[in-house]
ModelCIF file with pLDDT and N, C-alpha, C, O atoms, coordinates in Angstrom:
data_MODEL
#
_entry.id   MODEL 
#
_entity.id                         1 
_entity.type                       polymer 
_entity.pdbx_number_of_molecules   1 
#
_entity_poly.entity_id                      1 
_entity_poly.type                           'polypeptide(L)' 
_entity_poly.nstd_linkage                   no 
_entity_poly.nstd_monomer                   no 
_entity_poly.pdbx_seq_one_letter_code       LALVGTASAQDEGKTLVTGISMVGGDLETIDPSLSQTSSQIEIVNQ 
_entity_poly.pdbx_seq_one_letter_code_can   LALVGTASAQDEGKTLVTGISMVGGDLETIDPSLSQTSSQIEIVNQ 
_entity_poly.pdbx_strand_id                 A 
#
loop_
_entity_poly_seq.entity_id 
_entity_poly_seq.num 
_entity_poly_seq.mon_id 
_entity_poly_seq.hetero 
1 1  LEU n 
1 2  ALA n 
1 3  LEU n 
1 4  VAL n 
1 5  GLY n 
1 6  THR n 
1 7  ALA n 
1 8  SER n 
1 9  ALA n 
1 10 GLN n 
1 11 ASP n 
1 12 GLU n 
1 13 GLY n 
1 14 LYS n 
1 15 THR n 
1 16 LEU n 
1 17 VAL n 
1 18 THR n 
1 19 GLY n 
1 20 ILE n 
1 21 SER n 
1 22 MET n 
1 23 VAL n 
1 24 GLY n 
1 25 GLY n 
1 26 ASP n 
1 27 LEU n 
1 28 GLU n 
1 29 THR n 
1 30 ILE n 
1 31 ASP n 
1 32 PRO n 
1 33 SER n 
1 34 LEU n 
1 35 SER n 
1 36 GLN n 
1 37 THR n 
1 38 SER n 
1 39 SER n 
1 40 GLN n 
1 41 ILE n 
1 42 GLU n 
1 43 ILE n 
1 44 VAL n 
1 45 ASN n 
1 46 GLN n 
#
_struct_asym.id          A 
_struct_asym.entity_id   1 
#
loop_
_ma_qa_metric.id 
_ma_qa_metric.mode 
_ma_qa_metric.name 
_ma_qa_metric.software_group_id 
_ma_qa_metric.type 
1 global pLDDT . pLDDT 
2 local  pLDDT . pLDDT 
#
_ma_qa_metric_global.metric_id      1 
_ma_qa_metric_global.metric_value   72.54 
_ma_qa_metric_global.model_id       1 
_ma_qa_metric_global.ordinal_id     1 
#
loop_
_ma_qa_metric_local.label_asym_id 
_ma_qa_metric_local.label_comp_id 
_ma_qa_metric_local.label_seq_id 
_ma_qa_metric_local.metric_id 
_ma_qa_metric_local.metric_value 
_ma_qa_metric_local.model_id 
_ma_qa_metric_local.ordinal_id 
A LEU 1  2 35.00 1 1  
A ALA 2  2 39.00 1 2  
A LEU 3  2 40.00 1 3  
A VAL 4  2 38.00 1 4  
A GLY 5  2 39.00 1 5  
A THR 6  2 38.00 1 6  
A ALA 7  2 41.00 1 7  
A SER 8  2 43.00 1 8  
A ALA 9  2 45.00 1 9  
A GLN 10 2 51.00 1 10 
A ASP 11 2 57.00 1 11 
A GLU 12 2 67.00 1 12 
A GLY 13 2 69.00 1 13 
A LYS 14 2 75.00 1 14 
A THR 15 2 77.00 1 15 
A LEU 16 2 73.00 1 16 
A VAL 17 2 76.00 1 17 
A THR 18 2 72.00 1 18 
A GLY 19 2 72.00 1 19 
A ILE 20 2 73.00 1 20 
A SER 21 2 67.00 1 21 
A MET 22 2 66.00 1 22 
A VAL 23 2 61.00 1 23 
A GLY 24 2 61.00 1 24 
A GLY 25 2 67.00 1 25 
A ASP 26 2 77.00 1 26 
A LEU 27 2 83.00 1 27 
A GLU 28 2 87.00 1 28 
A THR 29 2 91.00 1 29 
A ILE 30 2 91.00 1 30 
A ASP 31 2 95.00 1 31 
A PRO 32 2 96.00 1 32 
A SER 33 2 96.00 1 33 
A LEU 34 2 96.00 1 34 
A SER 35 2 95.00 1 35 
A GLN 36 2 93.00 1 36 
A THR 37 2 89.00 1 37 
A SER 38 2 87.00 1 38 
A SER 39 2 86.00 1 39 
A GLN 40 2 91.00 1 40 
A ILE 41 2 92.00 1 41 
A GLU 42 2 89.00 1 42 
A ILE 43 2 89.00 1 43 
A VAL 44 2 93.00 1 44 
A ASN 45 2 91.00 1 45 
A GLN 46 2 88.00 1 46 
#
loop_
_atom_site.group_PDB 
_atom_site.id 
_atom_site.type_symbol 
_atom_site.label_atom_id 
_atom_site.label_alt_id 
_atom_site.label_comp_id 
_atom_site.label_asym_id 
_atom_site.label_entity_id 
_atom_site.label_seq_id 
_atom_site.pdbx_PDB_ins_code 
_atom_site.Cartn_x 
_atom_site.Cartn_y 
_atom_site.Cartn_z 
_atom_site.occupancy 
_atom_site.B_iso_or_equiv 
_atom_site.pdbx_formal_charge 
_atom_site.auth_seq_id 
_atom_site.auth_comp_id 
_atom_site.auth_asym_id 
_atom_site.auth_atom_id 
_atom_site.pdbx_PDB_model_num 
ATOM 1   N N  . LEU A 1 1  ? 0.771   13.314 17.324 1.00 35.00 ? 1  LEU A N  1 
ATOM 2   C CA . LEU A 1 1  ? 1.225   14.338 18.200 1.00 35.00 ? 1  LEU A CA 1 
ATOM 3   C C  . LEU A 1 1  ? 0.510   15.564 18.709 1.00 35.00 ? 1  LEU A C  1 
ATOM 4   O O  . LEU A 1 1  ? 0.445   15.794 19.917 1.00 35.00 ? 1  LEU A O  1 
ATOM 5   N N  . ALA A 1 2  ? -0.005  16.321 17.840 1.00 39.00 ? 2  ALA A N  1 
ATOM 6   C CA . ALA A 1 2  ? -1.053  17.171 17.982 1.00 39.00 ? 2  ALA A CA 1 
ATOM 7   C C  . ALA A 1 2  ? -2.058  17.190 18.192 1.00 39.00 ? 2  ALA A C  1 
ATOM 8   O O  . ALA A 1 2  ? -2.668  18.254 18.088 1.00 39.00 ? 2  ALA A O  1 
ATOM 9   N N  . LEU A 1 3  ? -2.765  15.905 18.625 1.00 40.00 ? 3  LEU A N  1 
ATOM 10  C CA . LEU A 1 3  ? -3.954  15.342 18.536 1.00 40.00 ? 3  LEU A CA 1 
ATOM 11  C C  . LEU A 1 3  ? -4.013  14.516 19.931 1.00 40.00 ? 3  LEU A C  1 
ATOM 12  O O  . LEU A 1 3  ? -4.809  14.932 20.772 1.00 40.00 ? 3  LEU A O  1 
ATOM 13  N N  . VAL A 1 4  ? -3.230  13.376 20.237 1.00 38.00 ? 4  VAL A N  1 
ATOM 14  C CA . VAL A 1 4  ? -3.400  12.803 21.064 1.00 38.00 ? 4  VAL A CA 1 
ATOM 15  C C  . VAL A 1 4  ? -2.592  13.169 22.459 1.00 38.00 ? 4  VAL A C  1 
ATOM 16  O O  . VAL A 1 4  ? -2.059  12.212 23.022 1.00 38.00 ? 4  VAL A O  1 
ATOM 17  N N  . GLY A 1 5  ? -2.487  14.183 22.929 1.00 39.00 ? 5  GLY A N  1 
ATOM 18  C CA . GLY A 1 5  ? -2.502  14.283 24.037 1.00 39.00 ? 5  GLY A CA 1 
ATOM 19  C C  . GLY A 1 5  ? -1.017  15.173 24.714 1.00 39.00 ? 5  GLY A C  1 
ATOM 20  O O  . GLY A 1 5  ? -0.580  15.983 23.896 1.00 39.00 ? 5  GLY A O  1 
ATOM 21  N N  . THR A 1 6  ? -0.294  15.125 25.937 1.00 38.00 ? 6  THR A N  1 
ATOM 22  C CA . THR A 1 6  ? 0.673   15.301 26.430 1.00 38.00 ? 6  THR A CA 1 
ATOM 23  C C  . THR A 1 6  ? 1.827   14.409 26.327 1.00 38.00 ? 6  THR A C  1 
ATOM 24  O O  . THR A 1 6  ? 1.489   13.288 25.946 1.00 38.00 ? 6  THR A O  1 
ATOM 25  N N  . ALA A 1 7  ? 3.194   14.556 26.563 1.00 41.00 ? 7  ALA A N  1 
ATOM 26  C CA . ALA A 1 7  ? 3.865   13.335 26.358 1.00 41.00 ? 7  ALA A CA 1 
ATOM 27  C C  . ALA A 1 7  ? 3.664   12.138 27.410 1.00 41.00 ? 7  ALA A C  1 
ATOM 28  O O  . ALA A 1 7  ? 3.913   10.950 27.209 1.00 41.00 ? 7  ALA A O  1 
ATOM 29  N N  . SER A 1 8  ? 3.130   12.756 28.640 1.00 43.00 ? 8  SER A N  1 
ATOM 30  C CA . SER A 1 8  ? 2.606   11.483 29.185 1.00 43.00 ? 8  SER A CA 1 
ATOM 31  C C  . SER A 1 8  ? 1.979   11.029 28.846 1.00 43.00 ? 8  SER A C  1 
ATOM 32  O O  . SER A 1 8  ? 2.291   9.846  28.713 1.00 43.00 ? 8  SER A O  1 
ATOM 33  N N  . ALA A 1 9  ? 0.768   11.336 28.445 1.00 45.00 ? 9  ALA A N  1 
ATOM 34  C CA . ALA A 1 9  ? -0.170  10.802 27.419 1.00 45.00 ? 9  ALA A CA 1 
ATOM 35  C C  . ALA A 1 9  ? 0.566   9.588  26.560 1.00 45.00 ? 9  ALA A C  1 
ATOM 36  O O  . ALA A 1 9  ? 0.171   8.445  26.795 1.00 45.00 ? 9  ALA A O  1 
ATOM 37  N N  . GLN A 1 10 ? 1.624   9.777  25.567 1.00 51.00 ? 10 GLN A N  1 
ATOM 38  C CA . GLN A 1 10 ? 1.910   9.481  24.785 1.00 51.00 ? 10 GLN A CA 1 
ATOM 39  C C  . GLN A 1 10 ? 2.228   8.251  25.334 1.00 51.00 ? 10 GLN A C  1 
ATOM 40  O O  . GLN A 1 10 ? 1.719   7.218  24.899 1.00 51.00 ? 10 GLN A O  1 
ATOM 41  N N  . ASP A 1 11 ? 3.311   8.266  26.580 1.00 57.00 ? 11 ASP A N  1 
ATOM 42  C CA . ASP A 1 11 ? 4.038   7.559  26.979 1.00 57.00 ? 11 ASP A CA 1 
ATOM 43  C C  . ASP A 1 11 ? 2.937   6.337  27.090 1.00 57.00 ? 11 ASP A C  1 
ATOM 44  O O  . ASP A 1 11 ? 3.228   5.259  26.571 1.00 57.00 ? 11 ASP A O  1 
ATOM 45  N N  . GLU A 1 12 ? 1.594   6.511  27.806 1.00 67.00 ? 12 GLU A N  1 
ATOM 46  C CA . GLU A 1 12 ? 1.014   5.339  28.388 1.00 67.00 ? 12 GLU A CA 1 
ATOM 47  C C  . GLU A 1 12 ? 0.751   4.236  27.057 1.00 67.00 ? 12 GLU A C  1 
ATOM 48  O O  . GLU A 1 12 ? 0.471   3.041  27.146 1.00 67.00 ? 12 GLU A O  1 
ATOM 49  N N  . GLY A 1 13 ? 0.986   5.257  25.510 1.00 69.00 ? 13 GLY A N  1 
ATOM 50  C CA . GLY A 1 13 ? 0.294   4.327  24.825 1.00 69.00 ? 13 GLY A CA 1 
ATOM 51  C C  . GLY A 1 13 ? -1.442  4.674  24.182 1.00 69.00 ? 13 GLY A C  1 
ATOM 52  O O  . GLY A 1 13 ? -2.434  4.658  24.911 1.00 69.00 ? 13 GLY A O  1 
ATOM 53  N N  . LYS A 1 14 ? -1.468  4.995  22.560 1.00 75.00 ? 14 LYS A N  1 
ATOM 54  C CA . LYS A 1 14 ? -2.775  5.421  22.601 1.00 75.00 ? 14 LYS A CA 1 
ATOM 55  C C  . LYS A 1 14 ? -2.328  4.753  21.076 1.00 75.00 ? 14 LYS A C  1 
ATOM 56  O O  . LYS A 1 14 ? -1.218  4.593  20.568 1.00 75.00 ? 14 LYS A O  1 
ATOM 57  N N  . THR A 1 15 ? -4.053  4.363  20.467 1.00 77.00 ? 15 THR A N  1 
ATOM 58  C CA . THR A 1 15 ? -4.234  3.357  20.369 1.00 77.00 ? 15 THR A CA 1 
ATOM 59  C C  . THR A 1 15 ? -5.680  4.335  19.486 1.00 77.00 ? 15 THR A C  1 
ATOM 60  O O  . THR A 1 15 ? -6.612  4.617  20.240 1.00 77.00 ? 15 THR A O  1 
ATOM 61  N N  . LEU A 1 16 ? -5.809  4.763  18.106 1.00 73.00 ? 16 LEU A N  1 
ATOM 62  C CA . LEU A 1 16 ? -6.914  5.005  16.937 1.00 73.00 ? 16 LEU A CA 1 
ATOM 63  C C  . LEU A 1 16 ? -7.267  4.097  16.475 1.00 73.00 ? 16 LEU A C  1 
ATOM 64  O O  . LEU A 1 16 ? -6.536  3.243  15.973 1.00 73.00 ? 16 LEU A O  1 
ATOM 65  N N  . VAL A 1 17 ? -9.112  4.046  16.563 1.00 76.00 ? 17 VAL A N  1 
ATOM 66  C CA . VAL A 1 17 ? -10.017 3.124  16.292 1.00 76.00 ? 17 VAL A CA 1 
ATOM 67  C C  . VAL A 1 17 ? -10.337 3.452  14.633 1.00 76.00 ? 17 VAL A C  1 
ATOM 68  O O  . VAL A 1 17 ? -9.495  2.622  14.292 1.00 76.00 ? 17 VAL A O  1 
ATOM 69  N N  . THR A 1 18 ? -10.788 3.905  13.478 1.00 72.00 ? 18 THR A N  1 
ATOM 70  C CA . THR A 1 18 ? -11.650 4.276  12.997 1.00 72.00 ? 18 THR A CA 1 
ATOM 71  C C  . THR A 1 18 ? -12.533 3.283  12.123 1.00 72.00 ? 18 THR A C  1 
ATOM 72  O O  . THR A 1 18 ? -12.494 2.080  12.383 1.00 72.00 ? 18 THR A O  1 
ATOM 73  N N  . GLY A 1 19 ? -13.122 3.642  11.360 1.00 72.00 ? 19 GLY A N  1 
ATOM 74  C CA . GLY A 1 19 ? -13.829 2.859  10.011 1.00 72.00 ? 19 GLY A CA 1 
ATOM 75  C C  . GLY A 1 19 ? -13.737 3.899  8.861  1.00 72.00 ? 19 GLY A C  1 
ATOM 76  O O  . GLY A 1 19 ? -14.359 4.958  8.936  1.00 72.00 ? 19 GLY A O  1 
ATOM 77  N N  . ILE A 1 20 ? -13.205 3.686  8.136  1.00 73.00 ? 20 ILE A N  1 
ATOM 78  C CA . ILE A 1 20 ? -13.499 4.208  6.527  1.00 73.00 ? 20 ILE A CA 1 
ATOM 79  C C  . ILE A 1 20 ? -13.572 3.337  5.299  1.00 73.00 ? 20 ILE A C  1 
ATOM 80  O O  . ILE A 1 20 ? -12.763 2.620  4.711  1.00 73.00 ? 20 ILE A O  1 
ATOM 81  N N  . SER A 1 21 ? -15.182 3.751  5.082  1.00 67.00 ? 21 SER A N  1 
ATOM 82  C CA . SER A 1 21 ? -15.358 3.063  3.638  1.00 67.00 ? 21 SER A CA 1 
ATOM 83  C C  . SER A 1 21 ? -14.394 2.780  2.359  1.00 67.00 ? 21 SER A C  1 
ATOM 84  O O  . SER A 1 21 ? -14.193 3.766  1.650  1.00 67.00 ? 21 SER A O  1 
ATOM 85  N N  . MET A 1 22 ? -13.933 1.880  2.072  1.00 66.00 ? 22 MET A N  1 
ATOM 86  C CA . MET A 1 22 ? -12.915 1.771  0.919  1.00 66.00 ? 22 MET A CA 1 
ATOM 87  C C  . MET A 1 22 ? -14.215 1.177  -0.669 1.00 66.00 ? 22 MET A C  1 
ATOM 88  O O  . MET A 1 22 ? -14.431 0.172  -1.345 1.00 66.00 ? 22 MET A O  1 
ATOM 89  N N  . VAL A 1 23 ? -14.745 2.675  -0.525 1.00 61.00 ? 23 VAL A N  1 
ATOM 90  C CA . VAL A 1 23 ? -15.191 2.230  -1.949 1.00 61.00 ? 23 VAL A CA 1 
ATOM 91  C C  . VAL A 1 23 ? -14.008 2.841  -3.334 1.00 61.00 ? 23 VAL A C  1 
ATOM 92  O O  . VAL A 1 23 ? -13.279 3.806  -3.561 1.00 61.00 ? 23 VAL A O  1 
ATOM 93  N N  . GLY A 1 24 ? -14.597 1.052  -4.228 1.00 61.00 ? 24 GLY A N  1 
ATOM 94  C CA . GLY A 1 24 ? -13.627 1.345  -4.941 1.00 61.00 ? 24 GLY A CA 1 
ATOM 95  C C  . GLY A 1 24 ? -12.424 0.501  -5.067 1.00 61.00 ? 24 GLY A C  1 
ATOM 96  O O  . GLY A 1 24 ? -11.735 0.412  -6.083 1.00 61.00 ? 24 GLY A O  1 
ATOM 97  N N  . GLY A 1 25 ? -12.237 -0.085 -3.996 1.00 67.00 ? 25 GLY A N  1 
ATOM 98  C CA . GLY A 1 25 ? -11.006 -0.723 -3.862 1.00 67.00 ? 25 GLY A CA 1 
ATOM 99  C C  . GLY A 1 25 ? -9.383  -0.364 -3.344 1.00 67.00 ? 25 GLY A C  1 
ATOM 100 O O  . GLY A 1 25 ? -9.256  0.814  -3.677 1.00 67.00 ? 25 GLY A O  1 
ATOM 101 N N  . ASP A 1 26 ? -8.508  -0.660 -2.906 1.00 77.00 ? 26 ASP A N  1 
ATOM 102 C CA . ASP A 1 26 ? -7.789  0.022  -2.498 1.00 77.00 ? 26 ASP A CA 1 
ATOM 103 C C  . ASP A 1 26 ? -7.253  1.225  -2.781 1.00 77.00 ? 26 ASP A C  1 
ATOM 104 O O  . ASP A 1 26 ? -7.167  1.517  -3.974 1.00 77.00 ? 26 ASP A O  1 
ATOM 105 N N  . LEU A 1 27 ? -6.787  2.165  -1.795 1.00 83.00 ? 27 LEU A N  1 
ATOM 106 C CA . LEU A 1 27 ? -6.500  3.701  -2.592 1.00 83.00 ? 27 LEU A CA 1 
ATOM 107 C C  . LEU A 1 27 ? -5.790  3.902  -3.052 1.00 83.00 ? 27 LEU A C  1 
ATOM 108 O O  . LEU A 1 27 ? -4.669  3.456  -2.808 1.00 83.00 ? 27 LEU A O  1 
ATOM 109 N N  . GLU A 1 28 ? -6.047  4.613  -3.879 1.00 87.00 ? 28 GLU A N  1 
ATOM 110 C CA . GLU A 1 28 ? -4.655  5.162  -4.909 1.00 87.00 ? 28 GLU A CA 1 
ATOM 111 C C  . GLU A 1 28 ? -3.885  5.845  -4.460 1.00 87.00 ? 28 GLU A C  1 
ATOM 112 O O  . GLU A 1 28 ? -2.712  5.737  -4.820 1.00 87.00 ? 28 GLU A O  1 
ATOM 113 N N  . THR A 1 29 ? -4.234  6.700  -3.604 1.00 91.00 ? 29 THR A N  1 
ATOM 114 C CA . THR A 1 29 ? -3.256  7.752  -3.113 1.00 91.00 ? 29 THR A CA 1 
ATOM 115 C C  . THR A 1 29 ? -3.523  8.474  -1.420 1.00 91.00 ? 29 THR A C  1 
ATOM 116 O O  . THR A 1 29 ? -4.696  8.580  -1.064 1.00 91.00 ? 29 THR A O  1 
ATOM 117 N N  . ILE A 1 30 ? -2.768  8.791  -0.761 1.00 91.00 ? 30 ILE A N  1 
ATOM 118 C CA . ILE A 1 30 ? -2.897  9.370  0.490  1.00 91.00 ? 30 ILE A CA 1 
ATOM 119 C C  . ILE A 1 30 ? -2.711  10.796 0.300  1.00 91.00 ? 30 ILE A C  1 
ATOM 120 O O  . ILE A 1 30 ? -3.315  11.743 0.803  1.00 91.00 ? 30 ILE A O  1 
ATOM 121 N N  . ASP A 1 31 ? -1.649  10.754 -0.619 1.00 95.00 ? 31 ASP A N  1 
ATOM 122 C CA . ASP A 1 31 ? -1.341  12.273 -0.821 1.00 95.00 ? 31 ASP A CA 1 
ATOM 123 C C  . ASP A 1 31 ? -2.170  13.814 -0.845 1.00 95.00 ? 31 ASP A C  1 
ATOM 124 O O  . ASP A 1 31 ? -3.216  13.969 -1.473 1.00 95.00 ? 31 ASP A O  1 
ATOM 125 N N  . PRO A 1 32 ? -1.567  14.803 -0.121 1.00 96.00 ? 32 PRO A N  1 
ATOM 126 C CA . PRO A 1 32 ? -3.043  15.503 0.275  1.00 96.00 ? 32 PRO A CA 1 
ATOM 127 C C  . PRO A 1 32 ? -3.171  16.356 -1.251 1.00 96.00 ? 32 PRO A C  1 
ATOM 128 O O  . PRO A 1 32 ? -4.319  16.792 -1.338 1.00 96.00 ? 32 PRO A O  1 
ATOM 129 N N  . SER A 1 33 ? -2.381  16.702 -2.408 1.00 96.00 ? 33 SER A N  1 
ATOM 130 C CA . SER A 1 33 ? -2.555  17.528 -3.475 1.00 96.00 ? 33 SER A CA 1 
ATOM 131 C C  . SER A 1 33 ? -2.953  16.413 -4.171 1.00 96.00 ? 33 SER A C  1 
ATOM 132 O O  . SER A 1 33 ? -3.419  16.766 -5.254 1.00 96.00 ? 33 SER A O  1 
ATOM 133 N N  . LEU A 1 34 ? -2.974  15.190 -4.021 1.00 96.00 ? 34 LEU A N  1 
ATOM 134 C CA . LEU A 1 34 ? -3.872  14.402 -5.095 1.00 96.00 ? 34 LEU A CA 1 
ATOM 135 C C  . LEU A 1 34 ? -5.229  14.264 -4.664 1.00 96.00 ? 34 LEU A C  1 
ATOM 136 O O  . LEU A 1 34 ? -6.227  14.457 -5.358 1.00 96.00 ? 34 LEU A O  1 
ATOM 137 N N  . SER A 1 35 ? -5.187  13.900 -3.412 1.00 95.00 ? 35 SER A N  1 
ATOM 138 C CA . SER A 1 35 ? -6.742  12.867 -2.874 1.00 95.00 ? 35 SER A CA 1 
ATOM 139 C C  . SER A 1 35 ? -7.751  13.744 -3.565 1.00 95.00 ? 35 SER A C  1 
ATOM 140 O O  . SER A 1 35 ? -7.514  14.916 -3.857 1.00 95.00 ? 35 SER A O  1 
ATOM 141 N N  . GLN A 1 36 ? -8.741  13.206 -3.781 1.00 93.00 ? 36 GLN A N  1 
ATOM 142 C CA . GLN A 1 36 ? -9.993  13.397 -4.762 1.00 93.00 ? 36 GLN A CA 1 
ATOM 143 C C  . GLN A 1 36 ? -11.193 12.572 -4.030 1.00 93.00 ? 36 GLN A C  1 
ATOM 144 O O  . GLN A 1 36 ? -12.302 13.098 -3.933 1.00 93.00 ? 36 GLN A O  1 
ATOM 145 N N  . THR A 1 37 ? -10.955 11.315 -3.537 1.00 89.00 ? 37 THR A N  1 
ATOM 146 C CA . THR A 1 37 ? -12.254 10.200 -3.248 1.00 89.00 ? 37 THR A CA 1 
ATOM 147 C C  . THR A 1 37 ? -12.388 10.783 -1.121 1.00 89.00 ? 37 THR A C  1 
ATOM 148 O O  . THR A 1 37 ? -11.643 11.451 -0.404 1.00 89.00 ? 37 THR A O  1 
ATOM 149 N N  . SER A 1 38 ? -13.581 10.140 -0.904 1.00 87.00 ? 38 SER A N  1 
ATOM 150 C CA . SER A 1 38 ? -13.944 10.295 -0.103 1.00 87.00 ? 38 SER A CA 1 
ATOM 151 C C  . SER A 1 38 ? -13.244 9.947  1.081  1.00 87.00 ? 38 SER A C  1 
ATOM 152 O O  . SER A 1 38 ? -13.113 10.611 2.109  1.00 87.00 ? 38 SER A O  1 
ATOM 153 N N  . SER A 1 39 ? -12.603 8.268  0.666  1.00 86.00 ? 39 SER A N  1 
ATOM 154 C CA . SER A 1 39 ? -11.674 7.277  1.618  1.00 86.00 ? 39 SER A CA 1 
ATOM 155 C C  . SER A 1 39 ? -10.632 8.262  1.510  1.00 86.00 ? 39 SER A C  1 
ATOM 156 O O  . SER A 1 39 ? -10.048 8.421  2.582  1.00 86.00 ? 39 SER A O  1 
ATOM 157 N N  . GLN A 1 40 ? -10.246 8.912  0.652  1.00 91.00 ? 40 GLN A N  1 
ATOM 158 C CA . GLN A 1 40 ? -8.902  9.326  0.435  1.00 91.00 ? 40 GLN A CA 1 
ATOM 159 C C  . GLN A 1 40 ? -8.627  10.161 1.348  1.00 91.00 ? 40 GLN A C  1 
ATOM 160 O O  . GLN A 1 40 ? -7.764  10.078 2.221  1.00 91.00 ? 40 GLN A O  1 
ATOM 161 N N  . ILE A 1 41 ? -9.736  11.373 1.044  1.00 92.00 ? 41 ILE A N  1 
ATOM 162 C CA . ILE A 1 41 ? -9.751  12.731 2.143  1.00 92.00 ? 41 ILE A CA 1 
ATOM 163 C C  . ILE A 1 41 ? -10.288 12.646 3.314  1.00 92.00 ? 41 ILE A C  1 
ATOM 164 O O  . ILE A 1 41 ? -10.484 13.626 4.033  1.00 92.00 ? 41 ILE A O  1 
ATOM 165 N N  . GLU A 1 42 ? -10.639 11.195 3.681  1.00 89.00 ? 42 GLU A N  1 
ATOM 166 C CA . GLU A 1 42 ? -10.892 11.180 5.286  1.00 89.00 ? 42 GLU A CA 1 
ATOM 167 C C  . GLU A 1 42 ? -9.773  10.427 6.048  1.00 89.00 ? 42 GLU A C  1 
ATOM 168 O O  . GLU A 1 42 ? -9.743  10.456 7.278  1.00 89.00 ? 42 GLU A O  1 
ATOM 169 N N  . ILE A 1 43 ? -8.793  9.707  5.269  1.00 89.00 ? 43 ILE A N  1 
ATOM 170 C CA . ILE A 1 43 ? -7.617  9.655  5.764  1.00 89.00 ? 43 ILE A CA 1 
ATOM 171 C C  . ILE A 1 43 ? -6.112  10.985 5.797  1.00 89.00 ? 43 ILE A C  1 
ATOM 172 O O  . ILE A 1 43 ? -5.284  11.343 6.635  1.00 89.00 ? 43 ILE A O  1 
ATOM 173 N N  . VAL A 1 44 ? -6.355  11.241 4.756  1.00 93.00 ? 44 VAL A N  1 
ATOM 174 C CA . VAL A 1 44 ? -5.665  12.808 4.535  1.00 93.00 ? 44 VAL A CA 1 
ATOM 175 C C  . VAL A 1 44 ? -6.067  13.572 5.861  1.00 93.00 ? 44 VAL A C  1 
ATOM 176 O O  . VAL A 1 44 ? -5.218  13.952 6.667  1.00 93.00 ? 44 VAL A O  1 
ATOM 177 N N  . ASN A 1 45 ? -7.436  13.771 6.027  1.00 91.00 ? 45 ASN A N  1 
ATOM 178 C CA . ASN A 1 45 ? -7.741  14.767 7.615  1.00 91.00 ? 45 ASN A CA 1 
ATOM 179 C C  . ASN A 1 45 ? -7.504  14.335 8.490  1.00 91.00 ? 45 ASN A C  1 
ATOM 180 O O  . ASN A 1 45 ? -7.308  15.100 9.434  1.00 91.00 ? 45 ASN A O  1 
ATOM 181 N N  . GLN A 1 46 ? -7.381  12.898 8.710  1.00 88.00 ? 46 GLN A N  1 
ATOM 182 C CA . GLN A 1 46 ? -7.036  12.245 10.537 1.00 88.00 ? 46 GLN A CA 1 
ATOM 183 C C  . GLN A 1 46 ? -5.235  12.577 10.338 1.00 88.00 ? 46 GLN A C  1 
ATOM 184 O O  . GLN A 1 46 ? -4.457  12.334 11.260 1.00 88.00 ? 46 GLN A O  1 
#
């Protein structure tokens, strides 16, 4: 909600499409304290 705009924009509905390389298979975590791979960190940053 901090990134996609005002309340009126939210009411219209927004979809975020992104491409993330899942190197090494499934993500072990998306915990900010524990994330260490580029894929994990990219999701945390988003």
